[in-house]
Amino acid sequence: MSYPLEVNAALGILKTTGIWRSSYAPFFHRMLWRAGVSIPPPHFASFGFNFAFMGASFGVVWGMWLLVWSHQGMSGAEAVFASVLGGVFFGLIVALYYRVRASKYNLPSWSQIKAAS
């Protein structure tokens, strides 16, 4: 796979930890890396970045699904509210998970990875 240099370095570190690949290289991250976008793997990203990125990704996908439910009596405003609320909760939980896991494995910061690449 042709990912940006610092992403490949970070993935090499994560591969040695025993963490599942699906956890350290999620689908949306892989899609952006293939496009040449150099965003950090979730374990190296800041809490705020993970919260915003994961919450927004979940909210958009969940919002599309909720629009299908609108044919079953859910209003558009309810669908938007549910997707925003779901995105906030999902973003918080996932950002906390990645922060705890990064601490557990004593991973370097993204700036250290970029400097070494």
PDB file of N, CA and C in Angstrom:
ATOM      1  N   MET A   1       0.827  -1.170   0.000  1.00  0.00           N
ATOM      2  CA  MET A   1       0.000   0.000   0.000  1.00  0.00           C
ATOM      3  C   MET A   1       0.875   1.238   0.000  1.00  0.00           C
ATOM      4  N   SER A   2       0.499   2.218  -0.769  1.00  0.00           N
ATOM      5  CA  SER A   2       1.272   3.445  -0.872  1.00  0.00           C
ATOM      6  C   SER A   2       0.650   4.530   0.010  1.00  0.00           C
ATOM      7  N   TYR A   3       1.048   4.538   1.262  1.00  0.00           N
ATOM      8  CA  TYR A   3       0.579   5.541   2.214  1.00  0.00           C
ATOM      9  C   TYR A   3       1.675   6.576   2.397  1.00  0.00           C
ATOM     10  N   PRO A   4       1.330   7.750   2.927  1.00  0.00           N
ATOM     11  CA  PRO A   4       2.377   8.743   3.238  1.00  0.00           C
ATOM     12  C   PRO A   4       3.435   8.146   4.171  1.00  0.00           C
ATOM     13  N   LEU A   5       4.648   8.629   4.061  1.00  0.00           N
ATOM     14  CA  LEU A   5       5.809   8.083   4.766  1.00  0.00           C
ATOM     15  C   LEU A   5       5.604   7.998   6.275  1.00  0.00           C
ATOM     16  N   GLU A   6       5.135   9.089   6.893  1.00  0.00           N
ATOM     17  CA  GLU A   6       4.959   9.072   8.351  1.00  0.00           C
ATOM     18  C   GLU A   6       3.839   8.131   8.777  1.00  0.00           C
ATOM     19  N   VAL A   7       2.840   7.934   7.918  1.00  0.00           N
ATOM     20  CA  VAL A   7       1.763   6.988   8.225  1.00  0.00           C
ATOM     21  C   VAL A   7       2.325   5.572   8.226  1.00  0.00           C
ATOM     22  N   ASN A   8       3.154   5.244   7.232  1.00  0.00           N
ATOM     23  CA  ASN A   8       3.781   3.917   7.200  1.00  0.00           C
ATOM     24  C   ASN A   8       4.639   3.679   8.433  1.00  0.00           C
ATOM     25  N   ALA A   9       5.367   4.698   8.886  1.00  0.00           N
ATOM     26  CA  ALA A   9       6.194   4.562  10.093  1.00  0.00           C
ATOM     27  C   ALA A   9       5.326   4.295  11.310  1.00  0.00           C
ATOM     28  N   ALA A  10       4.233   5.036  11.432  1.00  0.00           N
ATOM     29  CA  ALA A  10       3.324   4.847  12.570  1.00  0.00           C
ATOM     30  C   ALA A  10       2.667   3.472  12.529  1.00  0.00           C
ATOM     31  N   LEU A  11       2.264   3.033  11.347  1.00  0.00           N
ATOM     32  CA  LEU A  11       1.643   1.712  11.226  1.00  0.00           C
ATOM     33  C   LEU A  11       2.632   0.603  11.576  1.00  0.00           C
ATOM     34  N   GLY A  12       3.910   0.814  11.247  1.00  0.00           N
ATOM     35  CA  GLY A  12       4.935  -0.157  11.628  1.00  0.00           C
ATOM     36  C   GLY A  12       5.054  -0.282  13.135  1.00  0.00           C
ATOM     37  N   ILE A  13       4.996   0.837  13.846  1.00  0.00           N
ATOM     38  CA  ILE A  13       5.043   0.803  15.313  1.00  0.00           C
ATOM     39  C   ILE A  13       3.824   0.086  15.861  1.00  0.00           C
ATOM     40  N   LEU A  14       2.648   0.424  15.340  1.00  0.00           N
ATOM     41  CA  LEU A  14       1.410  -0.179  15.835  1.00  0.00           C
ATOM     42  C   LEU A  14       1.357  -1.679  15.572  1.00  0.00           C
ATOM     43  N   LYS A  15       1.938  -2.109  14.458  1.00  0.00           N
ATOM     44  CA  LYS A  15       1.929  -3.536  14.123  1.00  0.00           C
ATOM     45  C   LYS A  15       2.671  -4.356  15.171  1.00  0.00           C
ATOM     46  N   THR A  16       3.683  -3.779  15.806  1.00  0.00           N
ATOM     47  CA  THR A  16       4.469  -4.514  16.799  1.00  0.00           C
ATOM     48  C   THR A  16       3.781  -4.611  18.157  1.00  0.00           C
ATOM     49  N   THR A  17       2.696  -3.860  18.367  1.00  0.00           N
ATOM     50  CA  THR A  17       2.039  -3.830  19.677  1.00  0.00           C
ATOM     51  C   THR A  17       1.071  -4.986  19.904  1.00  0.00           C
ATOM     52  N   GLY A  18       0.603  -5.602  18.836  1.00  0.00           N
ATOM     53  CA  GLY A  18      -0.405  -6.642  18.978  1.00  0.00           C
ATOM     54  C   GLY A  18      -1.829  -6.116  18.891  1.00  0.00           C
ATOM     55  N   ILE A  19      -1.969  -4.804  18.673  1.00  0.00           N
ATOM     56  CA  ILE A  19      -3.302  -4.221  18.493  1.00  0.00           C
ATOM     57  C   ILE A  19      -3.841  -4.690  17.139  1.00  0.00           C
ATOM     58  N   TRP A  20      -5.119  -4.967  17.072  1.00  0.00           N
ATOM     59  CA  TRP A  20      -5.727  -5.395  15.816  1.00  0.00           C
ATOM     60  C   TRP A  20      -5.597  -4.316  14.749  1.00  0.00           C
ATOM     61  N   ARG A  21      -5.323  -4.728  13.531  1.00  0.00           N
ATOM     62  CA  ARG A  21      -5.168  -3.783  12.416  1.00  0.00           C
ATOM     63  C   ARG A  21      -6.449  -2.989  12.195  1.00  0.00           C
ATOM     64  N   SER A  22      -7.590  -3.623  12.361  1.00  0.00           N
ATOM     65  CA  SER A  22      -8.853  -2.907  12.166  1.00  0.00           C
ATOM     66  C   SER A  22      -9.030  -1.785  13.183  1.00  0.00           C
ATOM     67  N   SER A  23      -8.335  -1.874  14.303  1.00  0.00           N
ATOM     68  CA  SER A  23      -8.409  -0.828  15.317  1.00  0.00           C
ATOM     69  C   SER A  23      -7.448   0.319  15.016  1.00  0.00           C
ATOM     70  N   TYR A  24      -6.250   0.003  14.539  1.00  0.00           N
ATOM     71  CA  TYR A  24      -5.284   1.081  14.299  1.00  0.00           C
ATOM     72  C   TYR A  24      -5.307   1.622  12.874  1.00  0.00           C
ATOM     73  N   ALA A  25      -6.040   0.984  11.978  1.00  0.00           N
ATOM     74  CA  ALA A  25      -6.181   1.490  10.607  1.00  0.00           C
ATOM     75  C   ALA A  25      -7.638   1.361  10.169  1.00  0.00           C
ATOM     76  N   PRO A  26      -8.533   2.199  10.738  1.00  0.00           N
ATOM     77  CA  PRO A  26      -9.949   2.118  10.369  1.00  0.00           C
ATOM     78  C   PRO A  26     -10.197   2.481   8.905  1.00  0.00           C
ATOM     79  N   PHE A  27     -11.357   2.095   8.427  1.00  0.00           N
ATOM     80  CA  PHE A  27     -11.724   2.235   7.024  1.00  0.00           C
ATOM     81  C   PHE A  27     -11.543   3.663   6.493  1.00  0.00           C
ATOM     82  N   PHE A  28     -12.132   4.661   7.169  1.00  0.00           N
ATOM     83  CA  PHE A  28     -12.045   6.036   6.657  1.00  0.00           C
ATOM     84  C   PHE A  28     -10.611   6.545   6.651  1.00  0.00           C
ATOM     85  N   HIS A  29      -9.819   6.124   7.620  1.00  0.00           N
ATOM     86  CA  HIS A  29      -8.398   6.507   7.631  1.00  0.00           C
ATOM     87  C   HIS A  29      -7.682   5.905   6.422  1.00  0.00           C
ATOM     88  N   ARG A  30      -7.902   4.624   6.156  1.00  0.00           N
ATOM     89  CA  ARG A  30      -7.250   3.980   5.008  1.00  0.00           C
ATOM     90  C   ARG A  30      -7.637   4.655   3.700  1.00  0.00           C
ATOM     91  N   MET A  31      -8.900   5.050   3.580  1.00  0.00           N
ATOM     92  CA  MET A  31      -9.341   5.724   2.356  1.00  0.00           C
ATOM     93  C   MET A  31      -8.600   7.057   2.174  1.00  0.00           C
ATOM     94  N   LEU A  32      -8.463   7.810   3.256  1.00  0.00           N
ATOM     95  CA  LEU A  32      -7.742   9.087   3.161  1.00  0.00           C
ATOM     96  C   LEU A  32      -6.255   8.879   2.900  1.00  0.00           C
ATOM     97  N   TRP A  33      -5.665   7.869   3.533  1.00  0.00           N
ATOM     98  CA  TRP A  33      -4.243   7.589   3.306  1.00  0.00           C
ATOM     99  C   TRP A  33      -3.998   7.216   1.856  1.00  0.00           C
ATOM    100  N   ARG A  34      -4.892   6.416   1.276  1.00  0.00           N
ATOM    101  CA  ARG A  34      -4.743   6.041  -0.140  1.00  0.00           C
ATOM    102  C   ARG A  34      -4.817   7.253  -1.044  1.00  0.00           C
ATOM    103  N   ALA A  35      -5.571   8.258  -0.607  1.00  0.00           N
ATOM    104  CA  ALA A  35      -5.693   9.496  -1.388  1.00  0.00           C
ATOM    105  C   ALA A  35      -4.503  10.430  -1.154  1.00  0.00           C
ATOM    106  N   GLY A  36      -3.567  10.012  -0.283  1.00  0.00           N
ATOM    107  CA  GLY A  36      -2.372  10.813  -0.029  1.00  0.00           C
ATOM    108  C   GLY A  36      -2.501  11.783   1.129  1.00  0.00           C
ATOM    109  N   VAL A  37      -3.612  11.713   1.861  1.00  0.00           N
ATOM    110  CA  VAL A  37      -3.820  12.607   3.008  1.00  0.00           C
ATOM    111  C   VAL A  37      -3.074  12.031   4.210  1.00  0.00           C
ATOM    112  N   SER A  38      -2.254  12.831   4.823  1.00  0.00           N
ATOM    113  CA  SER A  38      -1.425  12.372   5.932  1.00  0.00           C
ATOM    114  C   SER A  38      -2.069  12.730   7.268  1.00  0.00           C
ATOM    115  N   ILE A  39      -3.093  11.967   7.643  1.00  0.00           N
ATOM    116  CA  ILE A  39      -3.672  12.135   8.974  1.00  0.00           C
ATOM    117  C   ILE A  39      -3.109  11.029   9.854  1.00  0.00           C
ATOM    118  N   PRO A  40      -2.973  11.289  11.132  1.00  0.00           N
ATOM    119  CA  PRO A  40      -2.384  10.275  12.006  1.00  0.00           C
ATOM    120  C   PRO A  40      -3.323   9.107  12.240  1.00  0.00           C
ATOM    121  N   PRO A  41      -2.762   7.898  12.411  1.00  0.00           N
ATOM    122  CA  PRO A  41      -3.597   6.792  12.867  1.00  0.00           C
ATOM    123  C   PRO A  41      -4.241   7.181  14.203  1.00  0.00           C
ATOM    124  N   PRO A  42      -5.406   6.654  14.518  1.00  0.00           N
ATOM    125  CA  PRO A  42      -6.133   7.103  15.711  1.00  0.00           C
ATOM    126  C   PRO A  42      -5.342   7.054  17.013  1.00  0.00           C
ATOM    127  N   HIS A  43      -4.455   6.094  17.174  1.00  0.00           N
ATOM    128  CA  HIS A  43      -3.680   5.991  18.411  1.00  0.00           C
ATOM    129  C   HIS A  43      -2.683   7.146  18.567  1.00  0.00           C
ATOM    130  N   PHE A  44      -2.319   7.787  17.464  1.00  0.00           N
ATOM    131  CA  PHE A  44      -1.363   8.889  17.497  1.00  0.00           C
ATOM    132  C   PHE A  44      -2.039  10.256  17.417  1.00  0.00           C
ATOM    133  N   ALA A  45      -3.320  10.279  17.119  1.00  0.00           N
ATOM    134  CA  ALA A  45      -4.044  11.538  16.981  1.00  0.00           C
ATOM    135  C   ALA A  45      -4.411  12.093  18.356  1.00  0.00           C
ATOM    136  N   SER A  46      -4.658  13.381  18.391  1.00  0.00           N
ATOM    137  CA  SER A  46      -5.065  14.011  19.645  1.00  0.00           C
ATOM    138  C   SER A  46      -6.500  13.614  19.985  1.00  0.00           C
ATOM    139  N   PHE A  47      -6.861  13.804  21.248  1.00  0.00           N
ATOM    140  CA  PHE A  47      -8.220  13.507  21.691  1.00  0.00           C
ATOM    141  C   PHE A  47      -9.221  14.326  20.880  1.00  0.00           C
ATOM    142  N   GLY A  48      -8.926  15.605  20.683  1.00  0.00           N
ATOM    143  CA  GLY A  48      -9.828  16.485  19.943  1.00  0.00           C
ATOM    144  C   GLY A  48     -10.007  16.070  18.493  1.00  0.00           C
ATOM    145  N   PHE A  49      -8.908  15.679  17.852  1.00  0.00           N
ATOM    146  CA  PHE A  49      -8.998  15.233  16.461  1.00  0.00           C
ATOM    147  C   PHE A  49      -9.839  13.968  16.367  1.00  0.00           C
ATOM    148  N   ASN A  50      -9.562  12.991  17.249  1.00  0.00           N
ATOM    149  CA  ASN A  50     -10.340  11.750  17.222  1.00  0.00           C
ATOM    150  C   ASN A  50     -11.816  12.013  17.498  1.00  0.00           C
ATOM    151  N   PHE A  51     -12.101  12.888  18.461  1.00  0.00           N
ATOM    152  CA  PHE A  51     -13.488  13.220  18.772  1.00  0.00           C
ATOM    153  C   PHE A  51     -14.180  13.800  17.540  1.00  0.00           C
ATOM    154  N   ALA A  52     -13.561  14.787  16.913  1.00  0.00           N
ATOM    155  CA  ALA A  52     -14.175  15.447  15.763  1.00  0.00           C
ATOM    156  C   ALA A  52     -14.279  14.514  14.558  1.00  0.00           C
ATOM    157  N   PHE A  53     -13.195  13.813  14.234  1.00  0.00           N
ATOM    158  CA  PHE A  53     -13.172  12.967  13.042  1.00  0.00           C
ATOM    159  C   PHE A  53     -14.109  11.772  13.184  1.00  0.00           C
ATOM    160  N   MET A  54     -14.003  11.066  14.297  1.00  0.00           N
ATOM    161  CA  MET A  54     -14.836   9.873  14.493  1.00  0.00           C
ATOM    162  C   MET A  54     -16.300  10.249  14.694  1.00  0.00           C
ATOM    163  N   GLY A  55     -16.541  11.320  15.453  1.00  0.00           N
ATOM    164  CA  GLY A  55     -17.916  11.759  15.672  1.00  0.00           C
ATOM    165  C   GLY A  55     -18.581  12.220  14.393  1.00  0.00           C
ATOM    166  N   ALA A  56     -17.852  12.993  13.588  1.00  0.00           N
ATOM    167  CA  ALA A  56     -18.411  13.470  12.323  1.00  0.00           C
ATOM    168  C   ALA A  56     -18.648  12.314  11.354  1.00  0.00           C
ATOM    169  N   SER A  57     -17.706  11.379  11.279  1.00  0.00           N
ATOM    170  CA  SER A  57     -17.875  10.221  10.393  1.00  0.00           C
ATOM    171  C   SER A  57     -19.113   9.417  10.788  1.00  0.00           C
ATOM    172  N   PHE A  58     -19.234   9.144  12.081  1.00  0.00           N
ATOM    173  CA  PHE A  58     -20.383   8.386  12.565  1.00  0.00           C
ATOM    174  C   PHE A  58     -21.674   9.164  12.317  1.00  0.00           C
ATOM    175  N   GLY A  59     -21.670  10.447  12.631  1.00  0.00           N
ATOM    176  CA  GLY A  59     -22.872  11.256  12.468  1.00  0.00           C
ATOM    177  C   GLY A  59     -23.363  11.300  11.035  1.00  0.00           C
ATOM    178  N   VAL A  60     -22.448  11.427  10.093  1.00  0.00           N
ATOM    179  CA  VAL A  60     -22.838  11.468   8.684  1.00  0.00           C
ATOM    180  C   VAL A  60     -23.414  10.125   8.242  1.00  0.00           C
ATOM    181  N   VAL A  61     -22.730   9.049   8.554  1.00  0.00           N
ATOM    182  CA  VAL A  61     -23.211   7.719   8.148  1.00  0.00           C
ATOM    183  C   VAL A  61     -24.539   7.405   8.831  1.00  0.00           C
ATOM    184  N   TRP A  62     -24.612   7.644  10.132  1.00  0.00           N
ATOM    185  CA  TRP A  62     -25.841   7.376  10.873  1.00  0.00           C
ATOM    186  C   TRP A  62     -26.964   8.287  10.384  1.00  0.00           C
ATOM    187  N   GLY A  63     -26.654   9.528  10.062  1.00  0.00           N
ATOM    188  CA  GLY A  63     -27.657  10.450   9.545  1.00  0.00           C
ATOM    189  C   GLY A  63     -28.260   9.974   8.234  1.00  0.00           C
ATOM    190  N   MET A  64     -27.421   9.400   7.366  1.00  0.00           N
ATOM    191  CA  MET A  64     -27.947   8.860   6.112  1.00  0.00           C
ATOM    192  C   MET A  64     -28.921   7.723   6.389  1.00  0.00           C
ATOM    193  N   TRP A  65     -28.579   6.889   7.363  1.00  0.00           N
ATOM    194  CA  TRP A  65     -29.465   5.779   7.712  1.00  0.00           C
ATOM    195  C   TRP A  65     -30.773   6.298   8.312  1.00  0.00           C
ATOM    196  N   LEU A  66     -30.679   7.335   9.140  1.00  0.00           N
ATOM    197  CA  LEU A  66     -31.880   7.889   9.758  1.00  0.00           C
ATOM    198  C   LEU A  66     -32.809   8.515   8.730  1.00  0.00           C
ATOM    199  N   LEU A  67     -32.263   9.009   7.621  1.00  0.00           N
ATOM    200  CA  LEU A  67     -33.114   9.563   6.576  1.00  0.00           C
ATOM    201  C   LEU A  67     -34.000   8.478   5.968  1.00  0.00           C
ATOM    202  N   VAL A  68     -33.518   7.248   5.965  1.00  0.00           N
ATOM    203  CA  VAL A  68     -34.340   6.124   5.513  1.00  0.00           C
ATOM    204  C   VAL A  68     -35.506   5.946   6.476  1.00  0.00           C
ATOM    205  N   TRP A  69     -35.235   6.114   7.758  1.00  0.00           N
ATOM    206  CA  TRP A  69     -36.281   5.968   8.766  1.00  0.00           C
ATOM    207  C   TRP A  69     -37.314   7.072   8.687  1.00  0.00           C
ATOM    208  N   SER A  70     -36.982   8.178   8.050  1.00  0.00           N
ATOM    209  CA  SER A  70     -37.932   9.282   7.974  1.00  0.00           C
ATOM    210  C   SER A  70     -39.212   8.856   7.251  1.00  0.00           C
ATOM    211  N   HIS A  71     -39.132   7.834   6.436  1.00  0.00           N
ATOM    212  CA  HIS A  71     -40.314   7.307   5.752  1.00  0.00           C
ATOM    213  C   HIS A  71     -41.198   6.524   6.708  1.00  0.00           C
ATOM    214  N   GLN A  72     -40.716   6.303   7.907  1.00  0.00           N
ATOM    215  CA  GLN A  72     -41.482   5.562   8.907  1.00  0.00           C
ATOM    216  C   GLN A  72     -41.992   6.491  10.010  1.00  0.00           C
ATOM    217  N   GLY A  73     -42.028   7.780   9.746  1.00  0.00           N
ATOM    218  CA  GLY A  73     -42.612   8.714  10.693  1.00  0.00           C
ATOM    219  C   GLY A  73     -41.638   9.608  11.434  1.00  0.00           C
ATOM    220  N   MET A  74     -40.343   9.450  11.259  1.00  0.00           N
ATOM    221  CA  MET A  74     -39.372  10.316  11.928  1.00  0.00           C
ATOM    222  C   MET A  74     -39.206  11.592  11.107  1.00  0.00           C
ATOM    223  N   SER A  75     -39.300  12.732  11.770  1.00  0.00           N
ATOM    224  CA  SER A  75     -39.144  13.993  11.043  1.00  0.00           C
ATOM    225  C   SER A  75     -37.677  14.230  10.705  1.00  0.00           C
ATOM    226  N   GLY A  76     -37.431  15.137   9.778  1.00  0.00           N
ATOM    227  CA  GLY A  76     -36.052  15.466   9.405  1.00  0.00           C
ATOM    228  C   GLY A  76     -35.281  16.057  10.561  1.00  0.00           C
ATOM    229  N   ALA A  77     -35.952  16.895  11.357  1.00  0.00           N
ATOM    230  CA  ALA A  77     -35.284  17.497  12.522  1.00  0.00           C
ATOM    231  C   ALA A  77     -34.899  16.436  13.542  1.00  0.00           C
ATOM    232  N   GLU A  78     -35.766  15.450  13.743  1.00  0.00           N
ATOM    233  CA  GLU A  78     -35.440  14.359  14.670  1.00  0.00           C
ATOM    234  C   GLU A  78     -34.258  13.543  14.164  1.00  0.00           C
ATOM    235  N   ALA A  79     -34.208  13.313  12.855  1.00  0.00           N
ATOM    236  CA  ALA A  79     -33.105  12.553  12.270  1.00  0.00           C
ATOM    237  C   ALA A  79     -31.787  13.307  12.436  1.00  0.00           C
ATOM    238  N   VAL A  80     -31.797  14.613  12.203  1.00  0.00           N
ATOM    239  CA  VAL A  80     -30.585  15.425  12.358  1.00  0.00           C
ATOM    240  C   VAL A  80     -30.150  15.440  13.820  1.00  0.00           C
ATOM    241  N   PHE A  81     -31.099  15.658  14.721  1.00  0.00           N
ATOM    242  CA  PHE A  81     -30.779  15.679  16.151  1.00  0.00           C
ATOM    243  C   PHE A  81     -30.196  14.340  16.599  1.00  0.00           C
ATOM    244  N   ALA A  82     -30.801  13.236  16.164  1.00  0.00           N
ATOM    245  CA  ALA A  82     -30.320  11.905  16.551  1.00  0.00           C
ATOM    246  C   ALA A  82     -28.920  11.650  16.003  1.00  0.00           C
ATOM    247  N   SER A  83     -28.649  12.089  14.774  1.00  0.00           N
ATOM    248  CA  SER A  83     -27.320  11.853  14.201  1.00  0.00           C
ATOM    249  C   SER A  83     -26.261  12.711  14.881  1.00  0.00           C
ATOM    250  N   VAL A  84     -26.596  13.951  15.242  1.00  0.00           N
ATOM    251  CA  VAL A  84     -25.641  14.811  15.955  1.00  0.00           C
ATOM    252  C   VAL A  84     -25.371  14.247  17.346  1.00  0.00           C
ATOM    253  N   LEU A  85     -26.436  13.888  18.053  1.00  0.00           N
ATOM    254  CA  LEU A  85     -26.281  13.331  19.389  1.00  0.00           C
ATOM    255  C   LEU A  85     -25.485  12.023  19.350  1.00  0.00           C
ATOM    256  N   GLY A  86     -25.807  11.166  18.396  1.00  0.00           N
ATOM    257  CA  GLY A  86     -25.060   9.916  18.238  1.00  0.00           C
ATOM    258  C   GLY A  86     -23.597  10.170  17.915  1.00  0.00           C
ATOM    259  N   GLY A  87     -23.335  11.146  17.041  1.00  0.00           N
ATOM    260  CA  GLY A  87     -21.962  11.484  16.681  1.00  0.00           C
ATOM    261  C   GLY A  87     -21.162  12.005  17.866  1.00  0.00           C
ATOM    262  N   VAL A  88     -21.788  12.825  18.708  1.00  0.00           N
ATOM    263  CA  VAL A  88     -21.104  13.360  19.886  1.00  0.00           C
ATOM    264  C   VAL A  88     -20.747  12.228  20.848  1.00  0.00           C
ATOM    265  N   PHE A  89     -21.712  11.370  21.155  1.00  0.00           N
ATOM    266  CA  PHE A  89     -21.433  10.273  22.078  1.00  0.00           C
ATOM    267  C   PHE A  89     -20.405   9.297  21.516  1.00  0.00           C
ATOM    268  N   PHE A  90     -20.569   8.948  20.245  1.00  0.00           N
ATOM    269  CA  PHE A  90     -19.616   8.032  19.627  1.00  0.00           C
ATOM    270  C   PHE A  90     -18.225   8.641  19.598  1.00  0.00           C
ATOM    271  N   GLY A  91     -18.128   9.906  19.211  1.00  0.00           N
ATOM    272  CA  GLY A  91     -16.836  10.587  19.165  1.00  0.00           C
ATOM    273  C   GLY A  91     -16.143  10.612  20.514  1.00  0.00           C
ATOM    274  N   LEU A  92     -16.887  10.920  21.580  1.00  0.00           N
ATOM    275  CA  LEU A  92     -16.317  10.938  22.924  1.00  0.00           C
ATOM    276  C   LEU A  92     -15.806   9.564  23.355  1.00  0.00           C
ATOM    277  N   ILE A  93     -16.613   8.557  23.140  1.00  0.00           N
ATOM    278  CA  ILE A  93     -16.240   7.210  23.573  1.00  0.00           C
ATOM    279  C   ILE A  93     -15.024   6.703  22.805  1.00  0.00           C
ATOM    280  N   VAL A  94     -15.027   6.900  21.491  1.00  0.00           N
ATOM    281  CA  VAL A  94     -13.911   6.410  20.676  1.00  0.00           C
ATOM    282  C   VAL A  94     -12.632   7.200  20.963  1.00  0.00           C
ATOM    283  N   ALA A  95     -12.750   8.520  21.127  1.00  0.00           N
ATOM    284  CA  ALA A  95     -11.566   9.327  21.437  1.00  0.00           C
ATOM    285  C   ALA A  95     -10.976   8.914  22.777  1.00  0.00           C
ATOM    286  N   LEU A  96     -11.822   8.640  23.741  1.00  0.00           N
ATOM    287  CA  LEU A  96     -11.343   8.182  25.045  1.00  0.00           C
ATOM    288  C   LEU A  96     -10.673   6.812  24.925  1.00  0.00           C
ATOM    289  N   TYR A  97     -11.276   5.918  24.154  1.00  0.00           N
ATOM    290  CA  TYR A  97     -10.692   4.587  23.938  1.00  0.00           C
ATOM    291  C   TYR A  97      -9.279   4.699  23.352  1.00  0.00           C
ATOM    292  N   TYR A  98      -9.123   5.497  22.306  1.00  0.00           N
ATOM    293  CA  TYR A  98      -7.813   5.610  21.663  1.00  0.00           C
ATOM    294  C   TYR A  98      -6.783   6.290  22.568  1.00  0.00           C
ATOM    295  N   ARG A  99      -7.216   7.255  23.369  1.00  0.00           N
ATOM    296  CA  ARG A  99      -6.285   7.925  24.291  1.00  0.00           C
ATOM    297  C   ARG A  99      -5.793   6.942  25.345  1.00  0.00           C
ATOM    298  N   VAL A 100      -6.699   6.121  25.888  1.00  0.00           N
ATOM    299  CA  VAL A 100      -6.317   5.120  26.899  1.00  0.00           C
ATOM    300  C   VAL A 100      -5.390   4.076  26.289  1.00  0.00           C
ATOM    301  N   ARG A 101      -5.705   3.606  25.094  1.00  0.00           N
ATOM    302  CA  ARG A 101      -4.868   2.594  24.444  1.00  0.00           C
ATOM    303  C   ARG A 101      -3.479   3.141  24.096  1.00  0.00           C
ATOM    304  N   ALA A 102      -3.402   4.391  23.655  1.00  0.00           N
ATOM    305  CA  ALA A 102      -2.101   4.988  23.349  1.00  0.00           C
ATOM    306  C   ALA A 102      -1.260   5.085  24.617  1.00  0.00           C
ATOM    307  N   SER A 103      -1.884   5.440  25.720  1.00  0.00           N
ATOM    308  CA  SER A 103      -1.157   5.507  26.996  1.00  0.00           C
ATOM    309  C   SER A 103      -0.700   4.127  27.445  1.00  0.00           C
ATOM    310  N   LYS A 104      -1.569   3.142  27.275  1.00  0.00           N
ATOM    311  CA  LYS A 104      -1.234   1.770  27.690  1.00  0.00           C
ATOM    312  C   LYS A 104       0.004   1.263  26.966  1.00  0.00           C
ATOM    313  N   TYR A 105       0.099   1.549  25.678  1.00  0.00           N
ATOM    314  CA  TYR A 105       1.228   1.065  24.879  1.00  0.00           C
ATOM    315  C   TYR A 105       2.380   2.055  24.817  1.00  0.00           C
ATOM    316  N   ASN A 106       2.259   3.172  25.533  1.00  0.00           N
ATOM    317  CA  ASN A 106       3.323   4.169  25.620  1.00  0.00           C
ATOM    318  C   ASN A 106       3.808   4.594  24.224  1.00  0.00           C
ATOM    319  N   LEU A 107       2.852   4.952  23.370  1.00  0.00           N
ATOM    320  CA  LEU A 107       3.170   5.301  21.989  1.00  0.00           C
ATOM    321  C   LEU A 107       3.709   6.723  21.898  1.00  0.00           C
ATOM    322  N   PRO A 108       4.636   6.976  20.974  1.00  0.00           N
ATOM    323  CA  PRO A 108       5.171   8.331  20.800  1.00  0.00           C
ATOM    324  C   PRO A 108       4.104   9.255  20.207  1.00  0.00           C
ATOM    325  N   SER A 109       4.354  10.531  20.244  1.00  0.00           N
ATOM    326  CA  SER A 109       3.410  11.487  19.670  1.00  0.00           C
ATOM    327  C   SER A 109       3.545  11.504  18.144  1.00  0.00           C
ATOM    328  N   TRP A 110       2.528  12.034  17.483  1.00  0.00           N
ATOM    329  CA  TRP A 110       2.538  12.132  16.028  1.00  0.00           C
ATOM    330  C   TRP A 110       3.668  13.045  15.554  1.00  0.00           C
ATOM    331  N   SER A 111       3.971  14.093  16.315  1.00  0.00           N
ATOM    332  CA  SER A 111       5.055  14.992  15.923  1.00  0.00           C
ATOM    333  C   SER A 111       6.416  14.269  15.976  1.00  0.00           C
ATOM    334  N   GLN A 112       6.584  13.350  16.911  1.00  0.00           N
ATOM    335  CA  GLN A 112       7.827  12.559  16.971  1.00  0.00           C
ATOM    336  C   GLN A 112       7.911  11.625  15.763  1.00  0.00           C
ATOM    337  N   ILE A 113       6.807  11.057  15.350  1.00  0.00           N
ATOM    338  CA  ILE A 113       6.780  10.181  14.173  1.00  0.00           C
ATOM    339  C   ILE A 113       7.149  10.983  12.926  1.00  0.00           C
ATOM    340  N   LYS A 114       6.552  12.157  12.789  1.00  0.00           N
ATOM    341  CA  LYS A 114       6.809  12.996  11.611  1.00  0.00           C
ATOM    342  C   LYS A 114       8.276  13.449  11.568  1.00  0.00           C
ATOM    343  N   ALA A 115       8.850  13.754  12.732  1.00  0.00           N
ATOM    344  CA  ALA A 115      10.236  14.206  12.784  1.00  0.00           C
ATOM    345  C   ALA A 115      11.196  13.075  12.405  1.00  0.00           C
ATOM    346  N   ALA A 116      10.844  11.858  12.770  1.00  0.00           N
ATOM    347  CA  ALA A 116      11.716  10.710  12.499  1.00  0.00           C
ATOM    348  C   ALA A 116      11.603  10.237  11.042  1.00  0.00           C
ATOM    349  N   SER A 117      10.515  10.602  10.360  1.00  0.00           N
ATOM    350  CA  SER A 117      10.295  10.123   8.981  1.00  0.00           C
ATOM    351  C   SER A 117      11.084  10.921   7.977  1.00  0.00           C
TER     352      SER A 117
END
